[in-house]
Amino acid sequence: MRREALLLFVALALYLGSAVALFDPMPSIGGDDARYMALADSLASGRGYRDVHRPGEPLHVLYPPLYPLLLAPLRGAGGGIVA
């Protein structure tokens, strides 16, 4: 039993160590994460759920608003890179 617990601990430590070492907090410049951040910025600035990067800032209709709503307070508080 003690040997299995030690092996489990070593495996967990290796997993967590590699996850921390490989984590990249910078979002990619395209794709869904950039769109979610733009929508969160729009909500945080009080412009509503709009595609602020498109001419005329139309209302956004593609993605549901839950994740941008969670990001908006962080972006509004000065959270530069949050994804």
PDB file of N, CA and C in Angstrom:
ATOM      1  N   MET A   1       0.830  -1.205   0.000  1.00  0.00           N
ATOM      2  CA  MET A   1       0.000   0.000   0.000  1.00  0.00           C
ATOM      3  C   MET A   1       0.863   1.253   0.000  1.00  0.00           C
ATOM      4  N   ARG A   2       1.900   1.258   0.810  1.00  0.00           N
ATOM      5  CA  ARG A   2       2.754   2.430   0.898  1.00  0.00           C
ATOM      6  C   ARG A   2       3.466   2.691  -0.425  1.00  0.00           C
ATOM      7  N   ARG A   3       3.877   1.622  -1.116  1.00  0.00           N
ATOM      8  CA  ARG A   3       4.557   1.773  -2.401  1.00  0.00           C
ATOM      9  C   ARG A   3       3.613   2.381  -3.446  1.00  0.00           C
ATOM     10  N   GLU A   4       2.369   1.941  -3.464  1.00  0.00           N
ATOM     11  CA  GLU A   4       1.390   2.482  -4.411  1.00  0.00           C
ATOM     12  C   GLU A   4       1.125   3.960  -4.141  1.00  0.00           C
ATOM     13  N   ALA A   5       1.061   4.315  -2.869  1.00  0.00           N
ATOM     14  CA  ALA A   5       0.836   5.721  -2.523  1.00  0.00           C
ATOM     15  C   ALA A   5       2.019   6.579  -2.962  1.00  0.00           C
ATOM     16  N   LEU A   6       3.230   6.066  -2.800  1.00  0.00           N
ATOM     17  CA  LEU A   6       4.418   6.801  -3.231  1.00  0.00           C
ATOM     18  C   LEU A   6       4.443   6.964  -4.748  1.00  0.00           C
ATOM     19  N   LEU A   7       4.105   5.904  -5.483  1.00  0.00           N
ATOM     20  CA  LEU A   7       4.049   5.983  -6.943  1.00  0.00           C
ATOM     21  C   LEU A   7       2.977   6.973  -7.404  1.00  0.00           C
ATOM     22  N   LEU A   8       1.835   6.956  -6.744  1.00  0.00           N
ATOM     23  CA  LEU A   8       0.773   7.895  -7.076  1.00  0.00           C
ATOM     24  C   LEU A   8       1.222   9.333  -6.818  1.00  0.00           C
ATOM     25  N   PHE A   9       1.908   9.553  -5.692  1.00  0.00           N
ATOM     26  CA  PHE A   9       2.400  10.888  -5.372  1.00  0.00           C
ATOM     27  C   PHE A   9       3.423  11.361  -6.403  1.00  0.00           C
ATOM     28  N   VAL A  10       4.346  10.498  -6.798  1.00  0.00           N
ATOM     29  CA  VAL A  10       5.366  10.857  -7.796  1.00  0.00           C
ATOM     30  C   VAL A  10       4.699  11.161  -9.137  1.00  0.00           C
ATOM     31  N   ALA A  11       3.742  10.337  -9.543  1.00  0.00           N
ATOM     32  CA  ALA A  11       3.044  10.574 -10.811  1.00  0.00           C
ATOM     33  C   ALA A  11       2.286  11.892 -10.783  1.00  0.00           C
ATOM     34  N   LEU A  12       1.618  12.179  -9.686  1.00  0.00           N
ATOM     35  CA  LEU A  12       0.882  13.435  -9.555  1.00  0.00           C
ATOM     36  C   LEU A  12       1.829  14.634  -9.561  1.00  0.00           C
ATOM     37  N   ALA A  13       2.963  14.510  -8.876  1.00  0.00           N
ATOM     38  CA  ALA A  13       3.950  15.595  -8.851  1.00  0.00           C
ATOM     39  C   ALA A  13       4.520  15.853 -10.247  1.00  0.00           C
ATOM     40  N   LEU A  14       4.802  14.795 -10.990  1.00  0.00           N
ATOM     41  CA  LEU A  14       5.301  14.951 -12.363  1.00  0.00           C
ATOM     42  C   LEU A  14       4.251  15.601 -13.263  1.00  0.00           C
ATOM     43  N   TYR A  15       3.018  15.176 -13.103  1.00  0.00           N
ATOM     44  CA  TYR A  15       1.937  15.751 -13.900  1.00  0.00           C
ATOM     45  C   TYR A  15       1.773  17.241 -13.607  1.00  0.00           C
ATOM     46  N   LEU A  16       1.698  17.603 -12.337  1.00  0.00           N
ATOM     47  CA  LEU A  16       1.525  19.008 -11.972  1.00  0.00           C
ATOM     48  C   LEU A  16       2.736  19.842 -12.379  1.00  0.00           C
ATOM     49  N   GLY A  17       3.927  19.288 -12.204  1.00  0.00           N
ATOM     50  CA  GLY A  17       5.138  20.008 -12.604  1.00  0.00           C
ATOM     51  C   GLY A  17       5.174  20.283 -14.096  1.00  0.00           C
ATOM     52  N   SER A  18       4.806  19.286 -14.898  1.00  0.00           N
ATOM     53  CA  SER A  18       4.797  19.502 -16.347  1.00  0.00           C
ATOM     54  C   SER A  18       3.678  20.449 -16.759  1.00  0.00           C
ATOM     55  N   ALA A  19       2.535  20.402 -16.088  1.00  0.00           N
ATOM     56  CA  ALA A  19       1.433  21.319 -16.407  1.00  0.00           C
ATOM     57  C   ALA A  19       1.840  22.758 -16.137  1.00  0.00           C
ATOM     58  N   VAL A  20       2.525  23.009 -15.035  1.00  0.00           N
ATOM     59  CA  VAL A  20       2.983  24.365 -14.710  1.00  0.00           C
ATOM     60  C   VAL A  20       4.058  24.809 -15.691  1.00  0.00           C
ATOM     61  N   ALA A  21       4.978  23.914 -16.027  1.00  0.00           N
ATOM     62  CA  ALA A  21       6.070  24.268 -16.935  1.00  0.00           C
ATOM     63  C   ALA A  21       5.575  24.548 -18.349  1.00  0.00           C
ATOM     64  N   LEU A  22       4.537  23.868 -18.782  1.00  0.00           N
ATOM     65  CA  LEU A  22       4.051  24.010 -20.152  1.00  0.00           C
ATOM     66  C   LEU A  22       2.912  25.017 -20.308  1.00  0.00           C
ATOM     67  N   PHE A  23       2.418  25.567 -19.209  1.00  0.00           N
ATOM     68  CA  PHE A  23       1.287  26.496 -19.277  1.00  0.00           C
ATOM     69  C   PHE A  23       1.700  27.789 -19.974  1.00  0.00           C
ATOM     70  N   ASP A  24       0.902  28.221 -20.925  1.00  0.00           N
ATOM     71  CA  ASP A  24       1.140  29.478 -21.637  1.00  0.00           C
ATOM     72  C   ASP A  24      -0.081  30.374 -21.426  1.00  0.00           C
ATOM     73  N   PRO A  25       0.059  31.449 -20.629  1.00  0.00           N
ATOM     74  CA  PRO A  25      -1.104  32.286 -20.339  1.00  0.00           C
ATOM     75  C   PRO A  25      -1.526  33.187 -21.496  1.00  0.00           C
ATOM     76  N   MET A  26      -0.718  33.295 -22.521  1.00  0.00           N
ATOM     77  CA  MET A  26      -1.064  34.156 -23.644  1.00  0.00           C
ATOM     78  C   MET A  26      -2.072  33.452 -24.559  1.00  0.00           C
ATOM     79  N   PRO A  27      -3.189  34.090 -24.822  1.00  0.00           N
ATOM     80  CA  PRO A  27      -4.141  33.474 -25.748  1.00  0.00           C
ATOM     81  C   PRO A  27      -3.638  33.614 -27.179  1.00  0.00           C
ATOM     82  N   SER A  28      -4.127  32.773 -28.053  1.00  0.00           N
ATOM     83  CA  SER A  28      -3.747  32.908 -29.452  1.00  0.00           C
ATOM     84  C   SER A  28      -4.399  34.167 -30.017  1.00  0.00           C
ATOM     85  N   ILE A  29      -3.882  34.638 -31.134  1.00  0.00           N
ATOM     86  CA  ILE A  29      -4.402  35.893 -31.691  1.00  0.00           C
ATOM     87  C   ILE A  29      -5.638  35.675 -32.562  1.00  0.00           C
ATOM     88  N   GLY A  30      -6.057  34.462 -32.702  1.00  0.00           N
ATOM     89  CA  GLY A  30      -7.249  34.178 -33.490  1.00  0.00           C
ATOM     90  C   GLY A  30      -8.066  33.094 -32.822  1.00  0.00           C
ATOM     91  N   GLY A  31      -9.175  32.777 -33.414  1.00  0.00           N
ATOM     92  CA  GLY A  31      -9.999  31.705 -32.876  1.00  0.00           C
ATOM     93  C   GLY A  31     -10.983  32.189 -31.829  1.00  0.00           C
ATOM     94  N   ASP A  32     -11.544  31.220 -31.132  1.00  0.00           N
ATOM     95  CA  ASP A  32     -12.599  31.519 -30.168  1.00  0.00           C
ATOM     96  C   ASP A  32     -12.120  32.372 -29.000  1.00  0.00           C
ATOM     97  N   ASP A  33     -10.910  32.123 -28.511  1.00  0.00           N
ATOM     98  CA  ASP A  33     -10.466  32.854 -27.323  1.00  0.00           C
ATOM     99  C   ASP A  33     -10.346  34.349 -27.594  1.00  0.00           C
ATOM    100  N   ALA A  34      -9.885  34.731 -28.770  1.00  0.00           N
ATOM    101  CA  ALA A  34      -9.804  36.152 -29.112  1.00  0.00           C
ATOM    102  C   ALA A  34     -11.208  36.764 -29.196  1.00  0.00           C
ATOM    103  N   ARG A  35     -12.136  36.026 -29.742  1.00  0.00           N
ATOM    104  CA  ARG A  35     -13.513  36.522 -29.854  1.00  0.00           C
ATOM    105  C   ARG A  35     -14.136  36.684 -28.467  1.00  0.00           C
ATOM    106  N   TYR A  36     -13.912  35.691 -27.583  1.00  0.00           N
ATOM    107  CA  TYR A  36     -14.446  35.789 -26.225  1.00  0.00           C
ATOM    108  C   TYR A  36     -13.851  36.981 -25.485  1.00  0.00           C
ATOM    109  N   MET A  37     -12.575  37.240 -25.676  1.00  0.00           N
ATOM    110  CA  MET A  37     -11.950  38.390 -25.005  1.00  0.00           C
ATOM    111  C   MET A  37     -12.508  39.706 -25.552  1.00  0.00           C
ATOM    112  N   ALA A  38     -12.727  39.776 -26.858  1.00  0.00           N
ATOM    113  CA  ALA A  38     -13.320  40.979 -27.439  1.00  0.00           C
ATOM    114  C   ALA A  38     -14.744  41.191 -26.919  1.00  0.00           C
ATOM    115  N   LEU A  39     -15.500  40.106 -26.785  1.00  0.00           N
ATOM    116  CA  LEU A  39     -16.854  40.217 -26.244  1.00  0.00           C
ATOM    117  C   LEU A  39     -16.823  40.627 -24.774  1.00  0.00           C
ATOM    118  N   ALA A  40     -15.873  40.098 -24.014  1.00  0.00           N
ATOM    119  CA  ALA A  40     -15.735  40.491 -22.610  1.00  0.00           C
ATOM    120  C   ALA A  40     -15.357  41.965 -22.504  1.00  0.00           C
ATOM    121  N   ASP A  41     -14.484  42.449 -23.377  1.00  0.00           N
ATOM    122  CA  ASP A  41     -14.128  43.870 -23.387  1.00  0.00           C
ATOM    123  C   ASP A  41     -15.345  44.733 -23.698  1.00  0.00           C
ATOM    124  N   SER A  42     -16.165  44.269 -24.639  1.00  0.00           N
ATOM    125  CA  SER A  42     -17.369  45.000 -24.999  1.00  0.00           C
ATOM    126  C   SER A  42     -18.325  45.090 -23.809  1.00  0.00           C
ATOM    127  N   LEU A  43     -18.493  43.988 -23.098  1.00  0.00           N
ATOM    128  CA  LEU A  43     -19.357  43.991 -21.913  1.00  0.00           C
ATOM    129  C   LEU A  43     -18.769  44.861 -20.802  1.00  0.00           C
ATOM    130  N   ALA A  44     -17.465  44.754 -20.590  1.00  0.00           N
ATOM    131  CA  ALA A  44     -16.817  45.514 -19.518  1.00  0.00           C
ATOM    132  C   ALA A  44     -16.859  47.013 -19.769  1.00  0.00           C
ATOM    133  N   SER A  45     -16.856  47.408 -21.037  1.00  0.00           N
ATOM    134  CA  SER A  45     -16.890  48.842 -21.352  1.00  0.00           C
ATOM    135  C   SER A  45     -18.307  49.396 -21.420  1.00  0.00           C
ATOM    136  N   GLY A  46     -19.316  48.528 -21.225  1.00  0.00           N
ATOM    137  CA  GLY A  46     -20.698  48.997 -21.203  1.00  0.00           C
ATOM    138  C   GLY A  46     -21.345  49.084 -22.566  1.00  0.00           C
ATOM    139  N   ARG A  47     -20.734  48.521 -23.595  1.00  0.00           N
ATOM    140  CA  ARG A  47     -21.308  48.586 -24.942  1.00  0.00           C
ATOM    141  C   ARG A  47     -22.251  47.437 -25.242  1.00  0.00           C
ATOM    142  N   GLY A  48     -22.386  46.503 -24.324  1.00  0.00           N
ATOM    143  CA  GLY A  48     -23.280  45.372 -24.536  1.00  0.00           C
ATOM    144  C   GLY A  48     -22.571  44.213 -25.210  1.00  0.00           C
ATOM    145  N   TYR A  49     -23.355  43.240 -25.621  1.00  0.00           N
ATOM    146  CA  TYR A  49     -22.814  42.024 -26.223  1.00  0.00           C
ATOM    147  C   TYR A  49     -22.678  42.233 -27.727  1.00  0.00           C
ATOM    148  N   ARG A  50     -21.622  42.943 -28.106  1.00  0.00           N
ATOM    149  CA  ARG A  50     -21.446  43.369 -29.494  1.00  0.00           C
ATOM    150  C   ARG A  50     -20.099  42.928 -30.049  1.00  0.00           C
ATOM    151  N   ASP A  51     -20.059  42.756 -31.366  1.00  0.00           N
ATOM    152  CA  ASP A  51     -18.812  42.494 -32.077  1.00  0.00           C
ATOM    153  C   ASP A  51     -18.135  43.837 -32.341  1.00  0.00           C
ATOM    154  N   VAL A  52     -17.344  44.291 -31.384  1.00  0.00           N
ATOM    155  CA  VAL A  52     -16.747  45.627 -31.477  1.00  0.00           C
ATOM    156  C   VAL A  52     -15.663  45.712 -32.545  1.00  0.00           C
ATOM    157  N   HIS A  53     -15.188  44.585 -33.032  1.00  0.00           N
ATOM    158  CA  HIS A  53     -14.154  44.588 -34.061  1.00  0.00           C
ATOM    159  C   HIS A  53     -14.739  44.653 -35.475  1.00  0.00           C
ATOM    160  N   ARG A  54     -16.068  44.638 -35.592  1.00  0.00           N
ATOM    161  CA  ARG A  54     -16.721  44.703 -36.901  1.00  0.00           C
ATOM    162  C   ARG A  54     -17.330  46.084 -37.105  1.00  0.00           C
ATOM    163  N   PRO A  55     -17.372  46.559 -38.332  1.00  0.00           N
ATOM    164  CA  PRO A  55     -17.960  47.875 -38.600  1.00  0.00           C
ATOM    165  C   PRO A  55     -19.402  47.951 -38.109  1.00  0.00           C
ATOM    166  N   GLY A  56     -19.724  49.010 -37.440  1.00  0.00           N
ATOM    167  CA  GLY A  56     -21.068  49.226 -36.926  1.00  0.00           C
ATOM    168  C   GLY A  56     -21.337  48.522 -35.605  1.00  0.00           C
ATOM    169  N   GLU A  57     -20.399  47.751 -35.113  1.00  0.00           N
ATOM    170  CA  GLU A  57     -20.527  47.014 -33.854  1.00  0.00           C
ATOM    171  C   GLU A  57     -21.880  46.308 -33.729  1.00  0.00           C
ATOM    172  N   PRO A  58     -22.153  45.337 -34.626  1.00  0.00           N
ATOM    173  CA  PRO A  58     -23.450  44.641 -34.540  1.00  0.00           C
ATOM    174  C   PRO A  58     -23.525  43.772 -33.292  1.00  0.00           C
ATOM    175  N   LEU A  59     -24.752  43.446 -32.890  1.00  0.00           N
ATOM    176  CA  LEU A  59     -24.945  42.523 -31.783  1.00  0.00           C
ATOM    177  C   LEU A  59     -24.345  41.163 -32.152  1.00  0.00           C
ATOM    178  N   HIS A  60     -23.755  40.506 -31.171  1.00  0.00           N
ATOM    179  CA  HIS A  60     -23.151  39.203 -31.419  1.00  0.00           C
ATOM    180  C   HIS A  60     -24.208  38.119 -31.266  1.00  0.00           C
ATOM    181  N   VAL A  61     -24.238  37.179 -32.215  1.00  0.00           N
ATOM    182  CA  VAL A  61     -25.269  36.134 -32.189  1.00  0.00           C
ATOM    183  C   VAL A  61     -24.700  34.721 -32.277  1.00  0.00           C
ATOM    184  N   LEU A  62     -23.374  34.556 -32.318  1.00  0.00           N
ATOM    185  CA  LEU A  62     -22.805  33.232 -32.533  1.00  0.00           C
ATOM    186  C   LEU A  62     -22.579  32.458 -31.239  1.00  0.00           C
ATOM    187  N   TYR A  63     -21.889  33.047 -30.276  1.00  0.00           N
ATOM    188  CA  TYR A  63     -21.530  32.339 -29.040  1.00  0.00           C
ATOM    189  C   TYR A  63     -22.440  32.762 -27.891  1.00  0.00           C
ATOM    190  N   PRO A  64     -22.749  31.846 -26.972  1.00  0.00           N
ATOM    191  CA  PRO A  64     -23.541  32.216 -25.798  1.00  0.00           C
ATOM    192  C   PRO A  64     -22.728  33.136 -24.886  1.00  0.00           C
ATOM    193  N   PRO A  65     -23.380  33.972 -24.101  1.00  0.00           N
ATOM    194  CA  PRO A  65     -22.676  35.021 -23.360  1.00  0.00           C
ATOM    195  C   PRO A  65     -22.089  34.617 -22.003  1.00  0.00           C
ATOM    196  N   LEU A  66     -22.213  33.372 -21.560  1.00  0.00           N
ATOM    197  CA  LEU A  66     -21.786  33.032 -20.206  1.00  0.00           C
ATOM    198  C   LEU A  66     -20.286  33.260 -19.983  1.00  0.00           C
ATOM    199  N   TYR A  67     -19.433  32.717 -20.835  1.00  0.00           N
ATOM    200  CA  TYR A  67     -17.990  32.869 -20.627  1.00  0.00           C
ATOM    201  C   TYR A  67     -17.548  34.332 -20.730  1.00  0.00           C
ATOM    202  N   PRO A  68     -18.002  35.107 -21.717  1.00  0.00           N
ATOM    203  CA  PRO A  68     -17.651  36.526 -21.716  1.00  0.00           C
ATOM    204  C   PRO A  68     -18.161  37.275 -20.480  1.00  0.00           C
ATOM    205  N   LEU A  69     -19.317  36.865 -19.956  1.00  0.00           N
ATOM    206  CA  LEU A  69     -19.818  37.488 -18.727  1.00  0.00           C
ATOM    207  C   LEU A  69     -18.905  37.194 -17.538  1.00  0.00           C
ATOM    208  N   LEU A  70     -18.327  35.995 -17.516  1.00  0.00           N
ATOM    209  CA  LEU A  70     -17.380  35.655 -16.453  1.00  0.00           C
ATOM    210  C   LEU A  70     -16.057  36.401 -16.611  1.00  0.00           C
ATOM    211  N   LEU A  71     -15.637  36.635 -17.853  1.00  0.00           N
ATOM    212  CA  LEU A  71     -14.381  37.338 -18.111  1.00  0.00           C
ATOM    213  C   LEU A  71     -14.494  38.849 -17.950  1.00  0.00           C
ATOM    214  N   ALA A  72     -15.672  39.402 -18.182  1.00  0.00           N
ATOM    215  CA  ALA A  72     -15.853  40.862 -18.200  1.00  0.00           C
ATOM    216  C   ALA A  72     -15.383  41.554 -16.925  1.00  0.00           C
ATOM    217  N   PRO A  73     -15.712  41.080 -15.734  1.00  0.00           N
ATOM    218  CA  PRO A  73     -15.216  41.782 -14.540  1.00  0.00           C
ATOM    219  C   PRO A  73     -13.684  41.771 -14.434  1.00  0.00           C
ATOM    220  N   LEU A  74     -13.075  40.684 -14.865  1.00  0.00           N
ATOM    221  CA  LEU A  74     -11.620  40.609 -14.830  1.00  0.00           C
ATOM    222  C   LEU A  74     -10.998  41.570 -15.844  1.00  0.00           C
ATOM    223  N   ARG A  75     -11.573  41.624 -17.032  1.00  0.00           N
ATOM    224  CA  ARG A  75     -11.071  42.545 -18.059  1.00  0.00           C
ATOM    225  C   ARG A  75     -11.319  43.989 -17.647  1.00  0.00           C
ATOM    226  N   GLY A  76     -12.466  44.257 -17.046  1.00  0.00           N
ATOM    227  CA  GLY A  76     -12.782  45.610 -16.606  1.00  0.00           C
ATOM    228  C   GLY A  76     -11.915  46.070 -15.462  1.00  0.00           C
ATOM    229  N   ALA A  77     -11.425  45.121 -14.657  1.00  0.00           N
ATOM    230  CA  ALA A  77     -10.561  45.463 -13.522  1.00  0.00           C
ATOM    231  C   ALA A  77      -9.104  45.604 -13.938  1.00  0.00           C
ATOM    232  N   GLY A  78      -8.848  45.551 -15.233  1.00  0.00           N
ATOM    233  CA  GLY A  78      -7.490  45.725 -15.720  1.00  0.00           C
ATOM    234  C   GLY A  78      -6.760  44.435 -15.983  1.00  0.00           C
ATOM    235  N   GLY A  79      -7.491  43.332 -16.025  1.00  0.00           N
ATOM    236  CA  GLY A  79      -6.861  42.047 -16.323  1.00  0.00           C
ATOM    237  C   GLY A  79      -6.517  41.971 -17.793  1.00  0.00           C
ATOM    238  N   GLY A  80      -5.274  42.273 -18.121  1.00  0.00           N
ATOM    239  CA  GLY A  80      -4.867  42.336 -19.522  1.00  0.00           C
ATOM    240  C   GLY A  80      -5.016  41.019 -20.253  1.00  0.00           C
ATOM    241  N   ILE A  81      -4.439  39.958 -19.724  1.00  0.00           N
ATOM    242  CA  ILE A  81      -4.498  38.675 -20.391  1.00  0.00           C
ATOM    243  C   ILE A  81      -5.238  37.696 -19.496  1.00  0.00           C
ATOM    244  N   VAL A  82      -6.481  37.440 -19.841  1.00  0.00           N
ATOM    245  CA  VAL A  82      -7.306  36.494 -19.093  1.00  0.00           C
ATOM    246  C   VAL A  82      -8.053  35.659 -20.125  1.00  0.00           C
ATOM    247  N   ALA A  83      -7.912  34.332 -20.075  1.00  0.00           N
ATOM    248  CA  ALA A  83      -8.656  33.514 -20.981  1.00  0.00           C
ATOM    249  C   ALA A  83      -8.976  32.175 -20.431  1.00  0.00           C
TER     250      ALA A  83
END
